[in-house]
Amino acid sequence: MEILSVSVSNGIYPASESDRDVNPGASLAKYKVVHVGDLVYNSMRMWQGAVDSSLYEGIVSPAYVVARPTDPSLSRFIGRLLKQPILLHKYQQFSQGNSKDTLTLKYDKFAEIRVRIPRKSNEQSAIGEVFDSVDHLITLHQ
């Protein structure tokens, strides 16, 4: 299986597409399996928005958290929702560590964070399109 990475700017992507040197170590035995639609976050960079819904099948470092939405149709919407500034602030509050460089959001703390999700799929789609448009504008202006 392909090794995947998670970043703030690129979301989830094949590590082979990165300029960084990928060194998984001697064994991939502890790596976590990721399926399309899974939510994956970098526990050490969650407060910066290193989270997304996967478009790929693959594996990720054991340092990452992999979660599967109970409703797969919400995966992309939730992936975008989890990057919103109000939630990034919450992640920082729920993370543990002495400084920003050491903040880590464990899954049990992440699971305590509550978000409201519109029930109607057309509302979810409309909100998701707004999220995508904002992301696109930010990318254009960087």
N, C-alpha and C. Protein backbone atom coordinates (compact mmCIF):
# COMPACT_ATOMS: atom_id res chain seq x y z
N MET A 1 0.84 -1.19 0.00
CA MET A 1 0.00 0.00 0.00
C MET A 1 0.88 1.25 0.00
N GLU A 2 0.34 2.30 -0.57
CA GLU A 2 1.09 3.55 -0.67
C GLU A 2 1.12 4.29 0.66
N ILE A 3 2.26 4.88 0.97
CA ILE A 3 2.40 5.69 2.18
C ILE A 3 1.80 7.06 1.90
N LEU A 4 0.93 7.51 2.81
CA LEU A 4 0.29 8.81 2.69
C LEU A 4 0.83 9.76 3.75
N SER A 5 0.73 11.05 3.47
CA SER A 5 1.10 12.09 4.43
C SER A 5 -0.08 13.02 4.62
N VAL A 6 -0.04 13.78 5.71
CA VAL A 6 -1.08 14.77 5.99
C VAL A 6 -0.38 16.09 6.29
N SER A 7 -0.79 17.14 5.60
CA SER A 7 -0.21 18.45 5.88
C SER A 7 -1.32 19.49 5.96
N VAL A 8 -0.97 20.62 6.53
CA VAL A 8 -1.93 21.72 6.66
C VAL A 8 -2.34 22.21 5.28
N SER A 9 -1.38 22.40 4.39
CA SER A 9 -1.68 23.00 3.09
C SER A 9 -2.19 22.02 2.04
N ASN A 10 -1.77 20.76 2.12
CA ASN A 10 -2.12 19.80 1.07
C ASN A 10 -3.13 18.74 1.48
N GLY A 11 -3.53 18.72 2.73
CA GLY A 11 -4.44 17.67 3.19
C GLY A 11 -3.73 16.32 3.14
N ILE A 12 -4.43 15.29 2.68
CA ILE A 12 -3.86 13.94 2.58
C ILE A 12 -3.39 13.73 1.15
N TYR A 13 -2.16 13.24 1.02
CA TYR A 13 -1.59 13.06 -0.32
C TYR A 13 -0.55 11.93 -0.27
N PRO A 14 -0.28 11.31 -1.42
CA PRO A 14 0.76 10.28 -1.46
C PRO A 14 2.12 10.89 -1.10
N ALA A 15 2.81 10.28 -0.16
CA ALA A 15 4.12 10.79 0.27
C ALA A 15 5.10 10.84 -0.89
N SER A 16 4.91 9.98 -1.88
CA SER A 16 5.81 9.96 -3.04
C SER A 16 5.73 11.25 -3.85
N GLU A 17 4.65 12.03 -3.68
CA GLU A 17 4.49 13.29 -4.41
C GLU A 17 5.12 14.47 -3.68
N SER A 18 5.72 14.20 -2.53
CA SER A 18 6.33 15.25 -1.72
C SER A 18 7.79 15.46 -2.10
N ASP A 19 8.27 16.66 -1.87
CA ASP A 19 9.69 16.96 -2.06
C ASP A 19 10.52 16.41 -0.91
N ARG A 20 9.85 16.11 0.20
CA ARG A 20 10.54 15.62 1.38
C ARG A 20 10.93 14.16 1.20
N ASP A 21 12.02 13.79 1.84
CA ASP A 21 12.49 12.40 1.79
C ASP A 21 11.61 11.55 2.70
N VAL A 22 11.03 10.50 2.17
CA VAL A 22 10.17 9.61 2.95
C VAL A 22 11.01 8.46 3.48
N ASN A 23 11.09 8.37 4.80
CA ASN A 23 11.85 7.29 5.43
C ASN A 23 10.98 6.63 6.49
N PRO A 24 10.23 5.60 6.09
CA PRO A 24 9.31 4.97 7.03
C PRO A 24 9.98 4.08 8.08
N GLY A 25 11.27 3.91 7.98
CA GLY A 25 11.96 3.03 8.94
C GLY A 25 12.00 1.61 8.42
N ALA A 26 12.42 0.72 9.29
CA ALA A 26 12.64 -0.67 8.89
C ALA A 26 11.34 -1.43 8.66
N SER A 27 10.28 -1.05 9.36
CA SER A 27 9.05 -1.82 9.28
C SER A 27 7.83 -0.92 9.15
N LEU A 28 6.87 -1.37 8.37
CA LEU A 28 5.60 -0.66 8.23
C LEU A 28 4.51 -1.34 9.06
N ALA A 29 4.89 -2.29 9.88
CA ALA A 29 3.94 -3.12 10.63
C ALA A 29 2.98 -2.30 11.48
N LYS A 30 3.45 -1.20 12.05
CA LYS A 30 2.59 -0.40 12.94
C LYS A 30 1.86 0.72 12.21
N TYR A 31 2.09 0.83 10.90
CA TYR A 31 1.40 1.85 10.13
C TYR A 31 -0.10 1.56 10.11
N LYS A 32 -0.90 2.61 9.99
CA LYS A 32 -2.36 2.48 10.02
C LYS A 32 -2.91 2.52 8.60
N VAL A 33 -3.90 1.67 8.36
CA VAL A 33 -4.54 1.60 7.04
C VAL A 33 -5.55 2.74 6.90
N VAL A 34 -5.54 3.37 5.74
CA VAL A 34 -6.46 4.45 5.42
C VAL A 34 -7.27 4.05 4.19
N HIS A 35 -8.58 4.22 4.28
CA HIS A 35 -9.47 3.98 3.14
C HIS A 35 -10.03 5.31 2.65
N VAL A 36 -10.47 5.33 1.41
CA VAL A 36 -11.11 6.53 0.87
C VAL A 36 -12.26 6.92 1.80
N GLY A 37 -12.31 8.19 2.17
CA GLY A 37 -13.36 8.69 3.05
C GLY A 37 -12.98 8.73 4.52
N ASP A 38 -11.89 8.06 4.89
CA ASP A 38 -11.45 8.13 6.29
C ASP A 38 -10.96 9.54 6.60
N LEU A 39 -11.16 9.95 7.83
CA LEU A 39 -10.61 11.21 8.31
C LEU A 39 -9.27 10.92 8.96
N VAL A 40 -8.27 11.67 8.58
CA VAL A 40 -6.92 11.44 9.10
C VAL A 40 -6.39 12.77 9.60
N TYR A 41 -5.78 12.74 10.80
CA TYR A 41 -5.13 13.95 11.27
C TYR A 41 -3.79 13.67 11.90
N ASN A 42 -2.93 14.67 11.78
CA ASN A 42 -1.61 14.64 12.39
C ASN A 42 -1.78 15.18 13.80
N SER A 43 -1.67 14.32 14.79
CA SER A 43 -1.96 14.70 16.18
C SER A 43 -1.06 15.83 16.67
N MET A 44 0.11 16.01 16.06
CA MET A 44 1.03 17.06 16.49
C MET A 44 0.82 18.37 15.73
N ARG A 45 -0.01 18.34 14.70
CA ARG A 45 -0.27 19.55 13.92
C ARG A 45 -1.77 19.80 13.72
N MET A 46 -2.61 19.12 14.49
CA MET A 46 -4.05 19.30 14.35
C MET A 46 -4.45 20.75 14.62
N TRP A 47 -3.82 21.38 15.60
CA TRP A 47 -4.16 22.76 15.94
C TRP A 47 -3.87 23.73 14.80
N GLN A 48 -3.11 23.28 13.80
CA GLN A 48 -2.83 24.09 12.61
C GLN A 48 -3.73 23.70 11.43
N GLY A 49 -4.49 22.63 11.58
CA GLY A 49 -5.38 22.19 10.51
C GLY A 49 -4.87 21.04 9.67
N ALA A 50 -3.96 20.24 10.21
CA ALA A 50 -3.43 19.08 9.47
C ALA A 50 -4.42 17.92 9.60
N VAL A 51 -5.54 18.06 8.91
CA VAL A 51 -6.62 17.08 8.93
C VAL A 51 -7.33 17.13 7.58
N ASP A 52 -7.86 15.99 7.16
CA ASP A 52 -8.65 15.97 5.93
C ASP A 52 -9.34 14.63 5.78
N SER A 53 -10.18 14.57 4.77
CA SER A 53 -10.85 13.35 4.37
C SER A 53 -10.02 12.76 3.23
N SER A 54 -9.72 11.48 3.31
CA SER A 54 -8.81 10.87 2.33
C SER A 54 -9.49 10.57 1.00
N LEU A 55 -8.79 10.92 -0.05
CA LEU A 55 -9.20 10.55 -1.40
C LEU A 55 -8.43 9.32 -1.87
N TYR A 56 -7.58 8.79 -0.97
CA TYR A 56 -6.66 7.70 -1.32
C TYR A 56 -6.80 6.51 -0.39
N GLU A 57 -6.42 5.36 -0.93
CA GLU A 57 -6.20 4.15 -0.13
C GLU A 57 -4.71 4.14 0.18
N GLY A 58 -4.34 3.77 1.39
CA GLY A 58 -2.92 3.71 1.71
C GLY A 58 -2.69 3.46 3.18
N ILE A 59 -1.51 3.86 3.63
CA ILE A 59 -1.15 3.72 5.04
C ILE A 59 -0.51 5.02 5.51
N VAL A 60 -0.63 5.26 6.83
CA VAL A 60 -0.03 6.45 7.42
C VAL A 60 0.76 6.07 8.66
N SER A 61 1.64 6.95 9.04
CA SER A 61 2.46 6.78 10.24
C SER A 61 1.58 6.50 11.46
N PRO A 62 2.09 5.71 12.40
CA PRO A 62 1.35 5.47 13.64
C PRO A 62 1.12 6.75 14.44
N ALA A 63 1.84 7.82 14.12
CA ALA A 63 1.66 9.09 14.82
C ALA A 63 0.35 9.78 14.42
N TYR A 64 -0.23 9.36 13.29
CA TYR A 64 -1.47 9.96 12.82
C TYR A 64 -2.67 9.23 13.42
N VAL A 65 -3.80 9.94 13.43
CA VAL A 65 -5.06 9.35 13.90
C VAL A 65 -5.94 9.13 12.68
N VAL A 66 -6.53 7.94 12.59
CA VAL A 66 -7.43 7.60 11.49
C VAL A 66 -8.80 7.32 12.08
N ALA A 67 -9.82 7.99 11.56
CA ALA A 67 -11.20 7.78 12.04
C ALA A 67 -12.10 7.60 10.83
N ARG A 68 -13.14 6.83 11.00
CA ARG A 68 -14.08 6.57 9.92
C ARG A 68 -15.43 7.17 10.30
N PRO A 69 -15.94 8.11 9.50
CA PRO A 69 -17.26 8.68 9.79
C PRO A 69 -18.34 7.60 9.78
N THR A 70 -19.31 7.72 10.67
CA THR A 70 -20.40 6.75 10.69
C THR A 70 -21.25 6.86 9.43
N ASP A 71 -21.28 8.05 8.84
CA ASP A 71 -21.99 8.24 7.57
C ASP A 71 -20.96 8.66 6.52
N PRO A 72 -20.52 7.72 5.67
CA PRO A 72 -19.47 8.01 4.69
C PRO A 72 -19.81 9.17 3.74
N SER A 73 -21.10 9.43 3.53
CA SER A 73 -21.47 10.51 2.62
C SER A 73 -21.09 11.88 3.19
N LEU A 74 -20.80 11.94 4.49
CA LEU A 74 -20.43 13.20 5.12
C LEU A 74 -18.92 13.44 5.14
N SER A 75 -18.16 12.50 4.67
CA SER A 75 -16.71 12.53 4.82
C SER A 75 -16.06 13.82 4.30
N ARG A 76 -16.32 14.20 3.06
CA ARG A 76 -15.69 15.41 2.50
C ARG A 76 -16.15 16.65 3.25
N PHE A 77 -17.43 16.71 3.57
CA PHE A 77 -17.96 17.85 4.32
C PHE A 77 -17.25 17.97 5.67
N ILE A 78 -17.15 16.86 6.39
CA ILE A 78 -16.52 16.88 7.70
C ILE A 78 -15.03 17.23 7.58
N GLY A 79 -14.38 16.70 6.56
CA GLY A 79 -12.98 17.04 6.33
C GLY A 79 -12.75 18.53 6.20
N ARG A 80 -13.64 19.22 5.52
CA ARG A 80 -13.56 20.68 5.37
C ARG A 80 -13.95 21.39 6.67
N LEU A 81 -15.00 20.89 7.29
CA LEU A 81 -15.48 21.50 8.54
C LEU A 81 -14.40 21.50 9.61
N LEU A 82 -13.66 20.41 9.70
CA LEU A 82 -12.65 20.27 10.75
C LEU A 82 -11.47 21.22 10.59
N LYS A 83 -11.39 21.92 9.48
CA LYS A 83 -10.30 22.88 9.25
C LYS A 83 -10.70 24.31 9.58
N GLN A 84 -11.91 24.52 10.03
CA GLN A 84 -12.39 25.88 10.26
C GLN A 84 -11.72 26.51 11.49
N PRO A 85 -11.44 27.83 11.42
CA PRO A 85 -10.71 28.52 12.49
C PRO A 85 -11.27 28.31 13.90
N ILE A 86 -12.56 28.31 14.05
CA ILE A 86 -13.13 28.12 15.40
C ILE A 86 -12.75 26.75 15.96
N LEU A 87 -12.68 25.74 15.09
CA LEU A 87 -12.28 24.41 15.55
C LEU A 87 -10.78 24.33 15.78
N LEU A 88 -9.99 25.01 14.97
CA LEU A 88 -8.54 25.02 15.19
C LEU A 88 -8.23 25.56 16.58
N HIS A 89 -8.97 26.57 16.99
CA HIS A 89 -8.81 27.12 18.34
C HIS A 89 -9.17 26.07 19.40
N LYS A 90 -10.24 25.34 19.16
CA LYS A 90 -10.65 24.27 20.09
C LYS A 90 -9.56 23.20 20.19
N TYR A 91 -8.99 22.81 19.05
CA TYR A 91 -7.94 21.78 19.07
C TYR A 91 -6.77 22.23 19.93
N GLN A 92 -6.44 23.51 19.82
CA GLN A 92 -5.33 24.03 20.62
C GLN A 92 -5.67 23.93 22.11
N GLN A 93 -6.92 24.25 22.45
CA GLN A 93 -7.36 24.17 23.85
C GLN A 93 -7.33 22.73 24.37
N PHE A 94 -7.67 21.77 23.52
CA PHE A 94 -7.77 20.37 23.94
C PHE A 94 -6.44 19.61 23.81
N SER A 95 -5.47 20.25 23.18
CA SER A 95 -4.16 19.60 23.00
C SER A 95 -3.35 19.65 24.29
N GLN A 96 -2.43 18.70 24.40
CA GLN A 96 -1.56 18.64 25.56
C GLN A 96 -0.13 18.92 25.11
N GLY A 97 0.62 19.61 25.96
CA GLY A 97 2.01 19.93 25.66
C GLY A 97 2.40 21.25 26.28
N ASN A 98 3.68 21.47 26.41
CA ASN A 98 4.18 22.67 27.08
C ASN A 98 4.33 23.88 26.17
N SER A 99 4.43 23.65 24.88
CA SER A 99 4.58 24.76 23.93
C SER A 99 3.92 24.36 22.62
N LYS A 100 3.77 25.31 21.71
CA LYS A 100 3.14 25.00 20.43
C LYS A 100 3.88 23.90 19.68
N ASP A 101 5.18 23.83 19.87
CA ASP A 101 5.97 22.80 19.19
C ASP A 101 5.69 21.40 19.70
N THR A 102 5.12 21.30 20.91
CA THR A 102 4.89 19.98 21.49
C THR A 102 3.41 19.66 21.68
N LEU A 103 2.51 20.54 21.21
CA LEU A 103 1.07 20.28 21.37
C LEU A 103 0.65 19.04 20.61
N THR A 104 -0.09 18.17 21.28
CA THR A 104 -0.58 16.93 20.67
C THR A 104 -2.04 16.76 21.04
N LEU A 105 -2.88 16.48 20.04
CA LEU A 105 -4.30 16.24 20.28
C LEU A 105 -4.57 14.75 20.20
N LYS A 106 -4.71 14.13 21.35
CA LYS A 106 -5.01 12.70 21.42
C LYS A 106 -6.46 12.47 20.99
N TYR A 107 -6.74 11.27 20.49
CA TYR A 107 -8.09 10.98 19.98
C TYR A 107 -9.16 11.13 21.06
N ASP A 108 -8.88 10.71 22.30
CA ASP A 108 -9.90 10.81 23.34
C ASP A 108 -10.31 12.26 23.59
N LYS A 109 -9.39 13.19 23.47
CA LYS A 109 -9.71 14.62 23.61
C LYS A 109 -10.42 15.14 22.36
N PHE A 110 -9.97 14.71 21.20
CA PHE A 110 -10.63 15.09 19.95
C PHE A 110 -12.09 14.67 19.97
N ALA A 111 -12.37 13.47 20.48
CA ALA A 111 -13.73 12.93 20.52
C ALA A 111 -14.65 13.73 21.44
N GLU A 112 -14.09 14.50 22.35
CA GLU A 112 -14.89 15.33 23.25
C GLU A 112 -15.40 16.60 22.57
N ILE A 113 -14.79 16.98 21.47
CA ILE A 113 -15.17 18.21 20.78
C ILE A 113 -16.46 17.97 19.99
N ARG A 114 -17.43 18.80 20.23
CA ARG A 114 -18.73 18.66 19.58
C ARG A 114 -18.89 19.71 18.48
N VAL A 115 -19.39 19.28 17.34
CA VAL A 115 -19.70 20.19 16.24
C VAL A 115 -21.11 19.90 15.75
N ARG A 116 -21.75 20.94 15.28
CA ARG A 116 -23.10 20.78 14.74
C ARG A 116 -22.98 20.57 13.23
N ILE A 117 -23.70 19.57 12.77
CA ILE A 117 -23.68 19.24 11.34
C ILE A 117 -25.11 19.37 10.81
N PRO A 118 -25.30 20.16 9.75
CA PRO A 118 -26.64 20.27 9.16
C PRO A 118 -27.15 18.90 8.74
N ARG A 119 -28.41 18.65 8.95
CA ARG A 119 -28.99 17.35 8.62
C ARG A 119 -29.28 17.19 7.14
N LYS A 120 -29.60 18.28 6.48
CA LYS A 120 -29.98 18.20 5.07
C LYS A 120 -28.74 18.17 4.19
N SER A 121 -28.71 17.22 3.28
CA SER A 121 -27.53 17.07 2.42
C SER A 121 -27.31 18.28 1.52
N ASN A 122 -28.39 18.94 1.10
CA ASN A 122 -28.21 20.12 0.25
C ASN A 122 -27.53 21.25 1.02
N GLU A 123 -27.81 21.37 2.33
CA GLU A 123 -27.13 22.37 3.15
C GLU A 123 -25.65 22.01 3.29
N GLN A 124 -25.39 20.72 3.52
CA GLN A 124 -24.00 20.26 3.65
C GLN A 124 -23.23 20.55 2.36
N SER A 125 -23.85 20.27 1.23
CA SER A 125 -23.20 20.51 -0.06
C SER A 125 -22.91 21.99 -0.26
N ALA A 126 -23.89 22.83 0.05
CA ALA A 126 -23.72 24.28 -0.12
C ALA A 126 -22.59 24.80 0.78
N ILE A 127 -22.57 24.36 2.02
CA ILE A 127 -21.52 24.78 2.94
C ILE A 127 -20.17 24.25 2.47
N GLY A 128 -20.14 23.00 2.02
CA GLY A 128 -18.91 22.41 1.51
C GLY A 128 -18.36 23.18 0.33
N GLU A 129 -19.25 23.65 -0.56
CA GLU A 129 -18.81 24.45 -1.71
C GLU A 129 -18.20 25.77 -1.26
N VAL A 130 -18.78 26.37 -0.23
CA VAL A 130 -18.21 27.61 0.32
C VAL A 130 -16.82 27.33 0.87
N PHE A 131 -16.68 26.25 1.64
CA PHE A 131 -15.37 25.88 2.19
C PHE A 131 -14.35 25.70 1.06
N ASP A 132 -14.75 24.97 0.01
CA ASP A 132 -13.84 24.73 -1.12
C ASP A 132 -13.45 26.04 -1.81
N SER A 133 -14.43 26.95 -1.97
CA SER A 133 -14.15 28.24 -2.62
C SER A 133 -13.17 29.07 -1.80
N VAL A 134 -13.38 29.10 -0.50
CA VAL A 134 -12.48 29.85 0.38
C VAL A 134 -11.08 29.25 0.33
N ASP A 135 -10.99 27.91 0.40
CA ASP A 135 -9.68 27.25 0.30
C ASP A 135 -8.98 27.61 -1.01
N HIS A 136 -9.75 27.62 -2.10
CA HIS A 136 -9.19 27.94 -3.42
C HIS A 136 -8.67 29.38 -3.45
N LEU A 137 -9.45 30.32 -2.90
CA LEU A 137 -9.03 31.72 -2.86
C LEU A 137 -7.76 31.90 -2.03
N ILE A 138 -7.70 31.22 -0.92
CA ILE A 138 -6.50 31.30 -0.07
C ILE A 138 -5.29 30.78 -0.82
N THR A 139 -5.46 29.67 -1.51
CA THR A 139 -4.35 29.09 -2.29
C THR A 139 -3.88 30.06 -3.37
N LEU A 140 -4.82 30.72 -4.04
CA LEU A 140 -4.46 31.67 -5.09
C LEU A 140 -3.68 32.86 -4.57
N HIS A 141 -3.96 33.26 -3.33
CA HIS A 141 -3.33 34.47 -2.78
C HIS A 141 -2.09 34.18 -1.94
N GLN A 142 -1.63 32.95 -1.91
CA GLN A 142 -0.43 32.63 -1.13
C GLN A 142 0.81 32.83 -1.94
